C-alpha atoms as a PDB file:
ATOM      1  CA  MET A   1      -7.028  41.667 -33.398  1.00  0.00           C
ATOM      2  CA  SER A   2      -9.462  42.559 -30.619  1.00  0.00           C
ATOM      3  CA  ARG A   3      -8.739  41.818 -26.979  1.00  0.00           C
ATOM      4  CA  THR A   4     -11.574  39.277 -26.940  1.00  0.00           C
ATOM      5  CA  SER A   5     -10.317  37.286 -29.943  1.00  0.00           C
ATOM      6  CA  SER A   6      -6.760  37.434 -28.586  1.00  0.00           C
ATOM      7  CA  GLN A   7      -7.963  35.987 -25.298  1.00  0.00           C
ATOM      8  CA  ALA A   8      -9.865  33.240 -27.135  1.00  0.00           C
ATOM      9  CA  THR A   9      -6.727  32.327 -29.076  1.00  0.00           C
ATOM     10  CA  ASN A  10      -4.728  32.142 -25.858  1.00  0.00           C
ATOM     11  CA  ASP A  11      -7.386  29.941 -24.250  1.00  0.00           C
ATOM     12  CA  VAL A  12      -6.980  27.187 -26.845  1.00  0.00           C
ATOM     13  CA  SER A  13      -3.208  27.281 -27.269  1.00  0.00           C
ATOM     14  CA  PRO A  14      -1.006  25.271 -24.891  1.00  0.00           C
ATOM     15  CA  ARG A  15       0.378  27.226 -21.970  1.00  0.00           C
ATOM     16  CA  ARG A  16       4.160  27.579 -22.102  1.00  0.00           C
ATOM     17  CA  LEU A  17       5.800  25.536 -19.361  1.00  0.00           C
ATOM     18  CA  PRO A  18       9.450  24.939 -18.471  1.00  0.00           C
ATOM     19  CA  ARG A  19      10.709  21.848 -20.329  1.00  0.00           C
ATOM     20  CA  GLU A  20      10.822  19.539 -17.292  1.00  0.00           C
ATOM     21  CA  GLN A  21       7.377  20.656 -16.125  1.00  0.00           C
ATOM     22  CA  ARG A  22       5.948  20.065 -19.615  1.00  0.00           C
ATOM     23  CA  ARG A  23       7.536  16.599 -19.684  1.00  0.00           C
ATOM     24  CA  GLU A  24       5.897  15.723 -16.366  1.00  0.00           C
ATOM     25  CA  SER A  25       2.577  17.035 -17.656  1.00  0.00           C
ATOM     26  CA  ILE A  26       2.875  14.784 -20.729  1.00  0.00           C
ATOM     27  CA  LEU A  27       3.706  11.804 -18.508  1.00  0.00           C
ATOM     28  CA  ASP A  28       0.588  12.555 -16.435  1.00  0.00           C
ATOM     29  CA  GLY A  29      -1.612  12.708 -19.530  1.00  0.00           C
ATOM     30  CA  ALA A  30       0.004   9.621 -21.038  1.00  0.00           C
ATOM     31  CA  THR A  31      -0.538   7.655 -17.817  1.00  0.00           C
ATOM     32  CA  ARG A  32      -4.257   8.461 -17.908  1.00  0.00           C
ATOM     33  CA  ALA A  33      -4.564   7.657 -21.627  1.00  0.00           C
ATOM     34  CA  PHE A  34      -2.593   4.400 -21.455  1.00  0.00           C
ATOM     35  CA  ALA A  35      -4.480   3.296 -18.322  1.00  0.00           C
ATOM     36  CA  ARG A  36      -7.742   3.338 -20.293  1.00  0.00           C
ATOM     37  CA  ALA A  37      -6.632   1.102 -23.160  1.00  0.00           C
ATOM     38  CA  GLY A  38      -3.011  -0.051 -22.839  1.00  0.00           C
ATOM     39  CA  PHE A  39      -0.165   0.470 -25.273  1.00  0.00           C
ATOM     40  CA  ALA A  40      -1.477  -0.838 -28.598  1.00  0.00           C
ATOM     41  CA  ALA A  41      -4.868   0.885 -28.531  1.00  0.00           C
ATOM     42  CA  THR A  42      -3.573   4.313 -27.441  1.00  0.00           C
ATOM     43  CA  THR A  43      -2.313   6.804 -30.038  1.00  0.00           C
ATOM     44  CA  MET A  44      -0.025   9.800 -29.684  1.00  0.00           C
ATOM     45  CA  PRO A  45      -2.961  12.106 -30.583  1.00  0.00           C
ATOM     46  CA  ASP A  46      -4.910  10.464 -27.707  1.00  0.00           C
ATOM     47  CA  ILE A  47      -2.050  11.332 -25.367  1.00  0.00           C
ATOM     48  CA  ALA A  48      -1.794  14.865 -26.745  1.00  0.00           C
ATOM     49  CA  ARG A  49      -5.517  15.446 -26.167  1.00  0.00           C
ATOM     50  CA  GLU A  50      -5.293  14.066 -22.628  1.00  0.00           C
ATOM     51  CA  SER A  51      -2.319  16.369 -21.974  1.00  0.00           C
ATOM     52  CA  GLY A  52      -4.027  19.428 -23.495  1.00  0.00           C
ATOM     53  CA  ILE A  53      -1.359  19.940 -26.160  1.00  0.00           C
ATOM     54  CA  THR A  54      -0.652  19.066 -29.795  1.00  0.00           C
ATOM     55  CA  PRO A  55       1.016  15.825 -30.976  1.00  0.00           C
ATOM     56  CA  LEU A  56       3.941  17.950 -32.204  1.00  0.00           C
ATOM     57  CA  ILE A  57       4.713  19.018 -28.637  1.00  0.00           C
ATOM     58  CA  VAL A  58       4.552  15.402 -27.457  1.00  0.00           C
ATOM     59  CA  TYR A  59       7.104  14.463 -30.137  1.00  0.00           C
ATOM     60  CA  ARG A  60       9.398  17.281 -29.025  1.00  0.00           C
ATOM     61  CA  HIS A  61       9.791  15.404 -25.731  1.00  0.00           C
ATOM     62  CA  PHE A  62       9.472  11.754 -26.802  1.00  0.00           C
ATOM     63  CA  ASP A  63      10.609  10.289 -30.126  1.00  0.00           C
ATOM     64  CA  SER A  64       8.084   7.458 -30.126  1.00  0.00           C
ATOM     65  CA  LYS A  65       5.103   6.012 -28.346  1.00  0.00           C
ATOM     66  CA  GLU A  66       7.270   3.177 -27.013  1.00  0.00           C
ATOM     67  CA  GLU A  67       9.790   5.616 -25.521  1.00  0.00           C
ATOM     68  CA  LEU A  68       6.933   7.494 -23.849  1.00  0.00           C
ATOM     69  CA  TYR A  69       5.317   4.300 -22.555  1.00  0.00           C
ATOM     70  CA  ARG A  70       8.588   3.143 -21.042  1.00  0.00           C
ATOM     71  CA  ALA A  71       9.095   6.537 -19.401  1.00  0.00           C
ATOM     72  CA  VAL A  72       5.591   6.288 -17.905  1.00  0.00           C
ATOM     73  CA  LEU A  73       6.228   2.767 -16.591  1.00  0.00           C
ATOM     74  CA  GLU A  74       9.613   3.717 -15.118  1.00  0.00           C
ATOM     75  CA  ARG A  75       8.001   6.609 -13.255  1.00  0.00           C
ATOM     76  CA  VAL A  76       5.139   4.397 -12.035  1.00  0.00           C
ATOM     77  CA  CYS A  77       7.537   1.712 -10.755  1.00  0.00           C
ATOM     78  CA  THR A  78       9.785   4.249  -9.023  1.00  0.00           C
ATOM     79  CA  ARG A  79       6.811   5.858  -7.283  1.00  0.00           C
ATOM     80  CA  LEU A  80       5.223   2.564  -6.252  1.00  0.00           C
ATOM     81  CA  THR A  81       8.473   1.105  -4.929  1.00  0.00           C
ATOM     82  CA  GLY A  82       9.106   4.256  -2.902  1.00  0.00           C
ATOM     83  CA  GLU A  83       5.588   4.242  -1.456  1.00  0.00           C
ATOM     84  CA  LEU A  84       5.754   0.529  -0.609  1.00  0.00           C
ATOM     85  CA  GLN A  85       9.178   0.836   1.025  1.00  0.00           C
ATOM     86  CA  ALA A  86       7.997   3.761   3.122  1.00  0.00           C
ATOM     87  CA  GLY A  87       4.799   1.950   4.080  1.00  0.00           C
ATOM     88  CA  GLN A  88       6.103  -1.483   5.074  1.00  0.00           C
ATOM     89  CA  GLU A  89       4.034  -2.622   8.006  1.00  0.00           C
ATOM     90  CA  PRO A  90       5.959  -3.742  11.132  1.00  0.00           C
ATOM     91  CA  GLY A  91       4.890  -7.196  12.257  1.00  0.00           C
ATOM     92  CA  GLY A  92       3.092  -7.699   8.961  1.00  0.00           C
ATOM     93  CA  PHE A  93       4.093  -9.478   5.781  1.00  0.00           C
ATOM     94  CA  GLY A  94       6.602  -6.919   4.515  1.00  0.00           C
ATOM     95  CA  ILE A  95       3.861  -5.295   2.496  1.00  0.00           C
ATOM     96  CA  GLY A  96       0.233  -5.203   3.543  1.00  0.00           C
ATOM     97  CA  ALA A  97      -3.104  -3.974   2.292  1.00  0.00           C
ATOM     98  CA  GLY A  98      -2.546  -0.559   3.871  1.00  0.00           C
ATOM     99  CA  SER A  99       0.763   0.110   2.117  1.00  0.00           C
ATOM    100  CA  VAL A 100      -0.396  -1.231  -1.254  1.00  0.00           C
ATOM    101  CA  LEU A 101      -3.640   0.755  -1.166  1.00  0.00           C
ATOM    102  CA  ALA A 102      -1.795   3.926  -0.093  1.00  0.00           C
ATOM    103  CA  ALA A 103       0.597   3.498  -3.024  1.00  0.00           C
ATOM    104  CA  ALA A 104      -2.328   2.932  -5.390  1.00  0.00           C
ATOM    105  CA  ARG A 105      -4.207   5.979  -4.109  1.00  0.00           C
ATOM    106  CA  GLN A 106      -1.148   8.145  -4.837  1.00  0.00           C
ATOM    107  CA  ASP A 107      -1.295   7.162  -8.525  1.00  0.00           C
ATOM    108  CA  PRO A 108      -4.389   5.062  -9.322  1.00  0.00           C
ATOM    109  CA  ASP A 109      -3.990   5.358 -13.104  1.00  0.00           C
ATOM    110  CA  GLY A 110      -0.353   4.279 -12.881  1.00  0.00           C
ATOM    111  CA  PHE A 111      -1.205   1.357 -10.584  1.00  0.00           C
ATOM    112  CA  CYS A 112      -3.916   0.114 -12.941  1.00  0.00           C
ATOM    113  CA  LEU A 113      -1.741   0.676 -16.009  1.00  0.00           C
ATOM    114  CA  LEU A 114       1.106  -1.370 -14.566  1.00  0.00           C
ATOM    115  CA  TRP A 115      -0.961  -4.320 -13.334  1.00  0.00           C
ATOM    116  CA  ARG A 116      -3.915  -4.387 -15.754  1.00  0.00           C
ATOM    117  CA  HIS A 117      -2.029  -3.642 -18.977  1.00  0.00           C
ATOM    118  CA  ALA A 118       1.775  -3.660 -18.841  1.00  0.00           C
ATOM    119  CA  ALA A 119       1.905  -6.919 -16.868  1.00  0.00           C
ATOM    120  CA  ARG A 120       0.168  -8.643 -19.805  1.00  0.00           C
ATOM    121  CA  GLU A 121       2.054  -6.924 -22.638  1.00  0.00           C
ATOM    122  CA  PRO A 122       5.072  -9.023 -23.724  1.00  0.00           C
ATOM    123  CA  LEU A 123       7.232  -6.003 -24.605  1.00  0.00           C
ATOM    124  CA  PHE A 124       6.654  -4.354 -21.238  1.00  0.00           C
ATOM    125  CA  SER A 125       5.815  -7.091 -18.725  1.00  0.00           C
ATOM    126  CA  SER A 126       9.299  -6.899 -17.168  1.00  0.00           C
ATOM    127  CA  TYR A 127       8.323  -3.670 -15.354  1.00  0.00           C
ATOM    128  CA  ALA A 128       5.553  -5.397 -13.406  1.00  0.00           C
ATOM    129  CA  ALA A 129       7.644  -8.559 -13.013  1.00  0.00           C
ATOM    130  CA  GLU A 130      10.522  -6.651 -11.372  1.00  0.00           C
ATOM    131  CA  LEU A 131       8.213  -4.834  -8.947  1.00  0.00           C
ATOM    132  CA  ARG A 132       6.435  -8.083  -8.151  1.00  0.00           C
ATOM    133  CA  GLU A 133       9.782  -9.787  -7.491  1.00  0.00           C
ATOM    134  CA  TRP A 134      10.719  -6.997  -5.062  1.00  0.00           C
ATOM    135  CA  ALA A 135       7.368  -7.362  -3.253  1.00  0.00           C
ATOM    136  CA  VAL A 136       7.681 -11.169  -3.120  1.00  0.00           C
ATOM    137  CA  LYS A 137      11.152 -10.900  -1.551  1.00  0.00           C
ATOM    138  CA  ALA A 138       9.891  -8.427   1.062  1.00  0.00           C
ATOM    139  CA  THR A 139       7.014 -10.778   1.870  1.00  0.00           C
ATOM    140  CA  ASP A 140       9.248 -13.853   1.882  1.00  0.00           C
ATOM    141  CA  ARG A 141      11.544 -12.293   4.514  1.00  0.00           C
ATOM    142  CA  ASN A 142       8.593 -11.598   6.806  1.00  0.00           C
ATOM    143  CA  LEU A 143       6.868 -14.950   6.320  1.00  0.00           C
ATOM    144  CA  GLY A 144      10.005 -17.011   6.910  1.00  0.00           C
ATOM    145  CA  GLU A 145       9.276 -17.896  10.533  1.00  0.00           C
ATOM    146  CA  ARG A 146       5.531 -18.398  10.050  1.00  0.00           C
ATOM    147  CA  VAL A 147       5.292 -20.699   7.042  1.00  0.00           C
ATOM    148  CA  PRO A 148       6.993 -24.074   6.456  1.00  0.00           C
ATOM    149  CA  ALA A 149       9.988 -23.836   4.117  1.00  0.00           C
ATOM    150  CA  ASP A 150       8.351 -25.986   1.454  1.00  0.00           C
ATOM    151  CA  ALA A 151       5.376 -23.590   1.232  1.00  0.00           C
ATOM    152  CA  LEU A 152       7.269 -20.297   1.608  1.00  0.00           C
ATOM    153  CA  GLN A 153       7.739 -19.375  -2.062  1.00  0.00           C
ATOM    154  CA  TRP A 154       4.142 -20.219  -2.856  1.00  0.00           C
ATOM    155  CA  ALA A 155       2.909 -18.214   0.142  1.00  0.00           C
ATOM    156  CA  ALA A 156       4.996 -15.132  -0.727  1.00  0.00           C
ATOM    157  CA  HIS A 157       3.712 -15.144  -4.315  1.00  0.00           C
ATOM    158  CA  ALA A 158       0.146 -15.809  -3.160  1.00  0.00           C
ATOM    159  CA  VAL A 159       0.161 -12.886  -0.701  1.00  0.00           C
ATOM    160  CA  THR A 160       1.607 -10.518  -3.312  1.00  0.00           C
ATOM    161  CA  GLY A 161      -0.843 -11.589  -6.018  1.00  0.00           C
ATOM    162  CA  TYR A 162      -3.776 -11.397  -3.611  1.00  0.00           C
ATOM    163  CA  LEU A 163      -2.878  -7.860  -2.528  1.00  0.00           C
ATOM    164  CA  VAL A 164      -2.470  -6.572  -6.070  1.00  0.00           C
ATOM    165  CA  GLU A 165      -5.801  -8.030  -7.237  1.00  0.00           C
ATOM    166  CA  ALA A 166      -7.619  -6.977  -4.073  1.00  0.00           C
ATOM    167  CA  VAL A 167      -6.458  -3.373  -4.461  1.00  0.00           C
ATOM    168  CA  LEU A 168      -7.166  -3.261  -8.209  1.00  0.00           C
ATOM    169  CA  ASN A 169     -10.727  -4.399  -7.579  1.00  0.00           C
ATOM    170  CA  TRP A 170     -11.151  -2.023  -4.635  1.00  0.00           C
ATOM    171  CA  LEU A 171     -10.021   0.922  -6.789  1.00  0.00           C
ATOM    172  CA  GLU A 172     -12.653  -0.043  -9.359  1.00  0.00           C
ATOM    173  CA  PHE A 173     -15.572  -1.074  -7.162  1.00  0.00           C
ATOM    174  CA  GLY A 174     -14.845   0.080  -3.607  1.00  0.00           C
ATOM    175  CA  ASP A 175     -15.865   3.194  -1.722  1.00  0.00           C
ATOM    176  CA  PRO A 176     -12.808   5.333  -0.828  1.00  0.00           C
ATOM    177  CA  GLN A 177     -14.540   6.345   2.406  1.00  0.00           C
ATOM    178  CA  ARG A 178     -14.389   2.683   3.472  1.00  0.00           C
ATOM    179  CA  ASP A 179     -10.670   2.220   2.766  1.00  0.00           C
ATOM    180  CA  ALA A 180      -9.945   1.522   6.443  1.00  0.00           C
ATOM    181  CA  LEU A 181     -12.485  -1.321   6.452  1.00  0.00           C
ATOM    182  CA  PHE A 182     -10.958  -2.749   3.269  1.00  0.00           C
ATOM    183  CA  VAL A 183      -7.475  -2.703   4.834  1.00  0.00           C
ATOM    184  CA  ARG A 184      -8.650  -4.426   8.025  1.00  0.00           C
ATOM    185  CA  ALA A 185     -10.649  -7.080   6.186  1.00  0.00           C
ATOM    186  CA  THR A 186      -7.900  -7.796   3.661  1.00  0.00           C
ATOM    187  CA  ASN A 187      -5.168  -8.063   6.291  1.00  0.00           C
ATOM    188  CA  THR A 188      -7.397 -10.290   8.424  1.00  0.00           C
ATOM    189  CA  ALA A 189      -7.927 -12.615   5.451  1.00  0.00           C
ATOM    190  CA  MET A 190      -4.179 -12.765   4.816  1.00  0.00           C
ATOM    191  CA  ARG A 191      -3.418 -13.501   8.475  1.00  0.00           C
ATOM    192  CA  ALA A 192      -5.982 -16.323   8.425  1.00  0.00           C
ATOM    193  CA  GLY A 193      -4.347 -17.731   5.315  1.00  0.00           C
ATOM    194  CA  VAL A 194      -0.881 -17.611   6.857  1.00  0.00           C
ATOM    195  CA  LYS A 195      -2.186 -19.316   9.966  1.00  0.00           C
ATOM    196  CA  ALA A 196      -3.631 -22.092   7.802  1.00  0.00           C
ATOM    197  CA  TRP A 197      -0.302 -22.536   6.005  1.00  0.00           C
ATOM    198  CA  SER A 198       1.557 -22.827   9.306  1.00  0.00           C
ATOM    199  CA  THR A 199      -0.585 -25.663  10.733  1.00  0.00           C
END
């Protein structure tokens, strides 16, 4: 075989990676593929193509599409929780537009996958529900002295839902160079809402 044809063969075959690195690469590709269409409409060959490997290699790491999807969602939730904990805004609502957007920018496909798809998929909605519950509790603690007790649960859920939807729509339609404006405007709107609840 000539050097040229040998090089061509190497160019199309998957590069050998250490097992853990290959697994992370598959999770990256799967996150992108699942974020486009959700669980049901995404196939293992779709994930293999997105990861630049063959379906056989995907199956060497994950026995089924469901196992892979759950591994993706677990990684997304771990990353998002870590980012949100690190970015809690002093004097804010526990979480704020800045911390949620920063978390989303770290893994936009994972953020969209969790909230646009998994949250609506009965088999997998518990992942989003658990993260939402964590965010609601963080918000509840910080709203406690600003909102009447009978409106507190509603307010904590409203703030959390508003932030998630605001960031999802900003990722899709917003200009990343105007992120600072988005954060200011979104936090201002939330502060106005809290003030209205407290009157």
